[in-house]
Amino acid sequence: MNKSYLFFDIECANCFDGIGKMCSFGYVLTDAEFNILDSDDVVMNPETEFDWYLFSPKNRCQLAYSKDYFRAQRNFEAYYKPLKKLIEAPDRKVIGFSSANDVGFVVSACERYNLPLIQFAAFDIAVIVDNAKGEKKGLADWCTHYNIDTSSLQAHKSEDDAVMTMKLTQAFCKENNTGIEELLEKNKGCRLSVEKYLEHREIKRHNDEVMQKIQELYGKKCRAVLTNRLKGDYTFGFKIKKDIDESLKIATLVFKHGGILKKSLKANGTVIIEDDTPEEYIQQMKKKNLTPLTISDFYEIVRME
């Protein structure tokens, strides 16, 4: 079977609570020479409210259709089987622009309607081009950069955004004197599968939950302390999210041993720092009358008999 390439884009009615509610799936299907084999804008009823900003006069890139038009269409479930067949076809590679979001939108749509997940992986041409050029641009700006004629295309119309994604990929291949298959083969690291997306989502959920627990400790004083060894104000002198579970452990120990955790300190308090913190940073803290305390020394204090 000949290889084919599916360029796609998705629009959502809203992304409230971090969940995209799909209202259109636009695509362009090509061969390796970018000859268009099929294209469509699959418009659907999101069965939810629209984010007011999508139709606001202040928004320069409004959705391509009216609310009434979206409402008159069938929902995602009605299009599930043909979309699944389209996306999962053998010898087919899927490409999007900032496609991590779109992979998530497909997952969310399947979950909303209790349907088996559509299993696929999408290459992100945005990351490929950004990395090659050493700068970040949006889809329209990259098209302008490559002198791609988009005068007949409408931003935020899924099919047209898919066309722009295809044309950008074509221009980038031409500039680098390479075929699309070779380009994708060299950029496997710019490919996100549904499986990986789910892993990343679970990690984010965990991190968000832990961060919430840390935030709940800010400014709080324990009424039944284990000891008063850490009496005083404390703050983190390192990025909490670098090891968020370790950060929660430290925050909890500060709380239980008589300390008060602060989001920041201007003076007169203790800054918990990594063991390999540069001396220059330590001296800066001391000039502000802050006391640096390495994580190792912190645990020694807590473990004191």
Protein backbone atom coordinates (compact mmCIF):
# COMPACT_ATOMS: atom_id res chain seq x y z
CA MET A 1 0.00 0.00 0.00
CA ASN A 2 1.28 3.48 -0.86
CA LYS A 3 2.23 5.77 1.99
CA SER A 4 -0.01 8.71 2.70
CA TYR A 5 0.19 11.79 4.90
CA LEU A 6 -2.67 13.25 6.89
CA PHE A 7 -2.37 16.92 7.81
CA PHE A 8 -4.99 17.90 10.35
CA ASP A 9 -6.25 20.64 12.62
CA ILE A 10 -8.94 20.78 15.28
CA GLU A 11 -11.07 23.60 16.63
CA CYS A 12 -12.85 23.45 19.98
CA ALA A 13 -15.90 25.20 21.38
CA ASN A 14 -14.08 25.62 24.68
CA CYS A 15 -11.28 24.13 26.72
CA PHE A 16 -12.79 24.70 30.14
CA ASP A 17 -11.30 22.55 32.90
CA GLY A 18 -8.46 21.68 30.52
CA ILE A 19 -10.74 19.56 28.32
CA GLY A 20 -11.18 20.51 24.66
CA LYS A 21 -14.67 20.05 23.23
CA MET A 22 -14.15 19.44 19.52
CA CYS A 23 -16.35 21.32 17.06
CA SER A 24 -14.42 20.70 13.82
CA PHE A 25 -11.81 18.32 12.46
CA GLY A 26 -10.18 19.56 9.27
CA TYR A 27 -7.78 17.51 7.21
CA VAL A 28 -5.84 17.23 3.98
CA LEU A 29 -4.64 13.83 2.80
CA THR A 30 -1.67 13.74 0.40
CA ASP A 31 0.85 11.42 -1.14
CA ALA A 32 4.62 11.81 -0.74
CA GLU A 33 4.68 14.49 -3.49
CA PHE A 34 2.02 16.55 -1.67
CA ASN A 35 -0.64 15.74 -4.25
CA ILE A 36 -3.98 16.16 -2.49
CA LEU A 37 -5.94 12.91 -2.34
CA ASP A 38 -8.78 14.11 -0.12
CA SER A 39 -9.74 16.98 2.16
CA ASP A 40 -12.68 18.01 4.29
CA ASP A 41 -13.82 20.11 7.21
CA VAL A 42 -15.79 17.81 9.47
CA VAL A 43 -17.97 20.24 11.43
CA MET A 44 -19.81 18.90 14.46
CA ASN A 45 -22.05 19.92 17.31
CA PRO A 46 -19.83 20.16 20.42
CA GLU A 47 -22.88 19.80 22.67
CA THR A 48 -21.50 22.37 25.07
CA GLU A 49 -21.27 26.12 25.43
CA PHE A 50 -18.88 28.13 23.28
CA ASP A 51 -16.16 30.22 24.86
CA TRP A 52 -17.49 33.76 24.47
CA TYR A 53 -14.14 35.00 23.18
CA LEU A 54 -14.32 32.82 20.06
CA PHE A 55 -17.04 35.10 18.66
CA SER A 56 -15.92 38.34 20.26
CA PRO A 57 -15.18 41.33 17.97
CA LYS A 58 -11.90 41.64 19.89
CA ASN A 59 -10.83 38.22 18.61
CA ARG A 60 -9.22 38.64 15.18
CA CYS A 61 -9.38 34.90 14.48
CA GLN A 62 -12.97 33.89 15.10
CA LEU A 63 -14.37 30.47 14.33
CA ALA A 64 -15.29 29.91 10.68
CA TYR A 65 -18.96 29.09 11.27
CA SER A 66 -21.79 30.48 13.34
CA LYS A 67 -22.98 28.91 16.57
CA ASP A 68 -26.22 27.94 14.87
CA TYR A 69 -24.34 26.14 12.10
CA PHE A 70 -22.33 24.14 14.63
CA ARG A 71 -25.49 23.33 16.59
CA ALA A 72 -27.20 22.01 13.46
CA GLN A 73 -24.51 19.35 12.87
CA ARG A 74 -24.22 15.85 14.26
CA ASN A 75 -21.96 15.25 17.26
CA PHE A 76 -18.52 13.62 17.40
CA GLU A 77 -19.98 10.18 17.99
CA ALA A 78 -21.64 10.29 14.55
CA TYR A 79 -18.26 10.91 12.88
CA TYR A 80 -16.21 8.63 15.11
CA LYS A 81 -15.97 5.60 12.82
CA PRO A 82 -14.95 7.44 9.62
CA LEU A 83 -12.47 9.60 11.55
CA LYS A 84 -10.97 6.55 13.25
CA LYS A 85 -10.61 4.84 9.85
CA LEU A 86 -9.06 7.98 8.38
CA ILE A 87 -6.55 8.47 11.18
CA GLU A 88 -5.58 4.85 11.81
CA ALA A 89 -5.19 3.80 8.16
CA PRO A 90 -2.11 1.63 7.47
CA ASP A 91 1.02 3.35 6.09
CA ARG A 92 -0.37 6.72 7.09
CA LYS A 93 1.55 9.37 8.97
CA VAL A 94 -0.24 12.19 10.75
CA ILE A 95 1.13 15.75 10.89
CA GLY A 96 -0.16 18.82 12.69
CA PHE A 97 0.97 22.25 13.83
CA SER A 98 1.35 22.35 17.64
CA SER A 99 -0.20 18.92 17.37
CA ALA A 100 0.19 17.95 21.05
CA ASN A 101 -2.98 19.95 21.71
CA ASP A 102 -4.80 18.23 18.85
CA VAL A 103 -3.81 14.76 20.05
CA GLY A 104 -5.34 15.72 23.38
CA PHE A 105 -8.52 16.96 21.71
CA VAL A 106 -9.01 13.60 19.98
CA VAL A 107 -8.49 11.78 23.28
CA SER A 108 -10.94 14.09 25.07
CA ALA A 109 -13.58 13.61 22.38
CA CYS A 110 -13.36 9.84 22.65
CA GLU A 111 -13.53 9.99 26.43
CA ARG A 112 -16.51 12.39 26.44
CA TYR A 113 -18.55 9.91 24.39
CA ASN A 114 -17.17 6.76 26.07
CA LEU A 115 -15.64 5.51 22.83
CA PRO A 116 -12.44 3.47 22.42
CA LEU A 117 -9.47 5.76 21.93
CA ILE A 118 -8.31 6.39 18.38
CA GLN A 119 -4.74 5.14 18.43
CA PHE A 120 -2.27 7.29 16.51
CA ALA A 121 0.80 9.48 16.79
CA ALA A 122 1.18 12.94 15.31
CA PHE A 123 4.34 14.68 14.12
CA ASP A 124 4.58 18.36 15.04
CA ILE A 125 5.82 20.45 12.11
CA ALA A 126 5.84 23.51 14.40
CA VAL A 127 8.53 21.96 16.60
CA ILE A 128 10.47 20.73 13.56
CA VAL A 129 10.57 24.17 11.93
CA ASP A 130 11.10 26.05 15.21
CA ASN A 131 14.08 23.86 16.06
CA ALA A 132 15.60 24.25 12.62
CA LYS A 133 15.17 28.03 12.57
CA GLY A 134 15.99 28.68 16.20
CA GLU A 135 12.83 30.73 16.80
CA LYS A 136 9.15 30.22 17.42
CA LYS A 137 6.38 31.46 15.15
CA GLY A 138 2.71 30.72 14.68
CA LEU A 139 1.35 28.92 11.63
CA ALA A 140 0.36 32.11 9.78
CA ASP A 141 3.74 33.74 10.50
CA TRP A 142 5.69 30.75 9.22
CA CYS A 143 3.56 30.75 6.09
CA THR A 144 4.42 34.42 5.60
CA HIS A 145 8.09 33.60 6.17
CA TYR A 146 7.98 31.07 3.33
CA ASN A 147 5.89 33.34 1.06
CA ILE A 148 3.02 30.88 1.06
CA ASP A 149 -0.13 32.34 -0.49
CA THR A 150 -2.89 32.03 2.11
CA SER A 151 -5.19 34.68 0.63
CA SER A 152 -7.90 32.11 -0.09
CA LEU A 153 -7.59 30.45 3.33
CA GLN A 154 -9.31 31.34 6.58
CA ALA A 155 -7.53 31.03 9.90
CA HIS A 156 -9.39 28.87 12.45
CA LYS A 157 -11.22 27.02 9.73
CA SER A 158 -9.84 23.56 10.43
CA GLU A 159 -9.53 22.43 6.83
CA ASP A 160 -7.74 25.64 5.84
CA ASP A 161 -5.36 25.39 8.80
CA ALA A 162 -4.64 21.83 7.71
CA VAL A 163 -3.88 23.13 4.20
CA MET A 164 -1.51 25.72 5.66
CA THR A 165 0.18 23.00 7.70
CA MET A 166 0.63 20.94 4.54
CA LYS A 167 1.98 23.89 2.55
CA LEU A 168 4.40 24.80 5.34
CA THR A 169 5.69 21.22 5.44
CA GLN A 170 6.07 21.24 1.66
CA ALA A 171 8.00 24.54 1.73
CA PHE A 172 10.26 23.33 4.50
CA CYS A 173 11.00 20.10 2.62
CA LYS A 174 11.83 22.10 -0.51
CA GLU A 175 14.13 24.43 1.41
CA ASN A 176 15.99 21.48 2.89
CA ASN A 177 16.01 19.45 -0.33
CA THR A 178 14.36 16.50 1.37
CA GLY A 179 11.24 14.38 0.99
CA ILE A 180 8.54 14.24 3.62
CA GLU A 181 9.32 10.65 4.55
CA GLU A 182 12.98 11.48 5.16
CA LEU A 183 12.00 14.59 7.11
CA LEU A 184 9.73 12.65 9.45
CA GLU A 185 12.24 9.84 9.82
CA LYS A 186 14.83 12.36 11.03
CA ASN A 187 12.39 13.95 13.48
CA LYS A 188 10.88 11.03 15.36
CA GLY A 189 11.44 13.00 18.55
CA CYS A 190 8.80 15.49 17.38
CA ARG A 191 6.11 12.82 17.39
CA LEU A 192 3.55 12.39 20.15
CA SER A 193 1.49 9.23 20.46
CA VAL A 194 -1.80 8.88 22.30
CA GLU A 195 -0.02 6.55 24.73
CA LYS A 196 2.63 9.19 25.50
CA TYR A 197 0.00 11.90 25.76
CA LEU A 198 -1.84 9.88 28.41
CA GLU A 199 1.42 9.37 30.33
CA HIS A 200 2.17 13.11 30.24
CA ARG A 201 -1.39 13.92 31.29
CA GLU A 202 -1.18 11.62 34.28
CA ILE A 203 2.13 13.16 35.34
CA LYS A 204 0.62 16.64 35.03
CA ARG A 205 -2.40 15.64 37.08
CA HIS A 206 -0.14 14.25 39.79
CA ASN A 207 2.05 17.35 39.78
CA ASP A 208 -0.98 19.65 39.95
CA GLU A 209 -2.35 17.72 42.94
CA VAL A 210 0.98 17.87 44.76
CA MET A 211 1.39 21.58 43.96
CA GLN A 212 -2.04 22.22 45.44
CA LYS A 213 -0.97 20.49 48.67
CA ILE A 214 2.17 22.65 48.83
CA GLN A 215 0.17 25.84 48.22
CA GLU A 216 -2.19 24.91 51.06
CA LEU A 217 0.77 24.97 53.46
CA TYR A 218 1.88 28.50 52.61
CA GLY A 219 1.51 30.79 55.62
CA LYS A 220 0.06 28.01 57.78
CA LYS A 221 1.25 27.27 61.32
CA CYS A 222 0.91 23.79 62.76
CA ARG A 223 -1.04 23.65 66.02
CA ALA A 224 0.41 20.29 67.06
CA VAL A 225 4.09 20.41 66.05
CA LEU A 226 6.42 17.47 66.41
CA THR A 227 9.27 19.82 67.40
CA ASN A 228 10.17 23.50 67.08
CA ARG A 229 13.48 22.82 65.36
CA LEU A 230 12.43 24.69 62.25
CA LYS A 231 10.79 27.66 63.95
CA GLY A 232 10.77 30.68 61.65
CA ASP A 233 9.98 31.48 58.03
CA TYR A 234 11.14 29.27 55.15
CA THR A 235 10.98 29.41 51.40
CA PHE A 236 12.24 27.35 48.47
CA GLY A 237 15.43 28.51 46.77
CA PHE A 238 15.00 26.12 43.86
CA LYS A 239 12.33 25.26 41.32
CA ILE A 240 9.66 23.31 43.13
CA LYS A 241 8.58 21.43 40.02
CA LYS A 242 12.08 20.07 39.46
CA ASP A 243 11.19 17.38 42.02
CA ILE A 244 7.71 18.17 43.21
CA ASP A 245 7.36 15.13 45.48
CA GLU A 246 10.58 16.05 47.28
CA SER A 247 9.30 19.63 47.58
CA LEU A 248 6.09 18.45 49.24
CA LYS A 249 8.10 16.33 51.66
CA ILE A 250 10.21 19.36 52.63
CA ALA A 251 7.16 21.63 52.92
CA THR A 252 5.42 19.13 55.19
CA LEU A 253 8.47 18.79 57.44
CA VAL A 254 8.76 22.58 57.76
CA PHE A 255 5.11 22.68 58.81
CA LYS A 256 5.34 19.79 61.29
CA HIS A 257 8.55 21.07 62.91
CA GLY A 258 7.29 24.54 63.74
CA GLY A 259 8.21 26.49 60.63
CA ILE A 260 6.05 28.60 58.36
CA LEU A 261 6.41 28.15 54.61
CA LYS A 262 6.38 31.33 52.53
CA LYS A 263 6.14 31.81 48.77
CA SER A 264 9.05 34.23 48.99
CA LEU A 265 11.15 36.08 51.53
CA LYS A 266 12.63 39.55 51.30
CA ALA A 267 14.66 39.28 54.49
CA ASN A 268 14.96 37.47 57.81
CA GLY A 269 14.19 33.90 56.96
CA THR A 270 15.66 30.65 55.70
CA VAL A 271 16.00 29.70 52.06
CA ILE A 272 16.18 25.97 51.40
CA ILE A 273 18.62 25.39 48.54
CA GLU A 274 20.03 22.51 46.56
CA ASP A 275 23.34 21.10 47.74
CA ASP A 276 25.15 22.25 44.60
CA THR A 277 23.86 25.82 44.68
CA PRO A 278 26.53 28.24 43.33
CA GLU A 279 28.41 30.22 45.98
CA GLU A 280 27.51 33.45 44.19
CA TYR A 281 23.80 32.80 44.77
CA ILE A 282 24.45 31.95 48.43
CA GLN A 283 26.30 35.23 48.99
CA GLN A 284 23.43 37.17 47.38
CA MET A 285 21.03 35.64 49.90
CA LYS A 286 23.27 36.50 52.83
CA LYS A 287 23.41 40.14 51.71
CA LYS A 288 19.62 40.20 52.02
CA ASN A 289 19.85 38.82 55.59
CA LEU A 290 18.51 35.49 54.42
CA THR A 291 19.91 32.23 55.76
CA PRO A 292 20.74 29.59 53.14
CA LEU A 293 20.15 25.99 54.19
CA THR A 294 21.03 23.07 51.94
CA ILE A 295 18.57 20.21 51.57
CA SER A 296 21.11 17.84 53.18
CA ASP A 297 21.51 20.10 56.23
CA PHE A 298 17.75 20.52 56.38
CA TYR A 299 17.25 16.77 56.72
CA GLU A 300 20.02 16.56 59.32
CA ILE A 301 18.17 19.07 61.48
CA VAL A 302 14.93 17.15 61.15
CA ARG A 303 16.64 13.86 62.02
CA MET A 304 18.33 15.20 65.17
CA GLU A 305 17.69 13.10 68.25
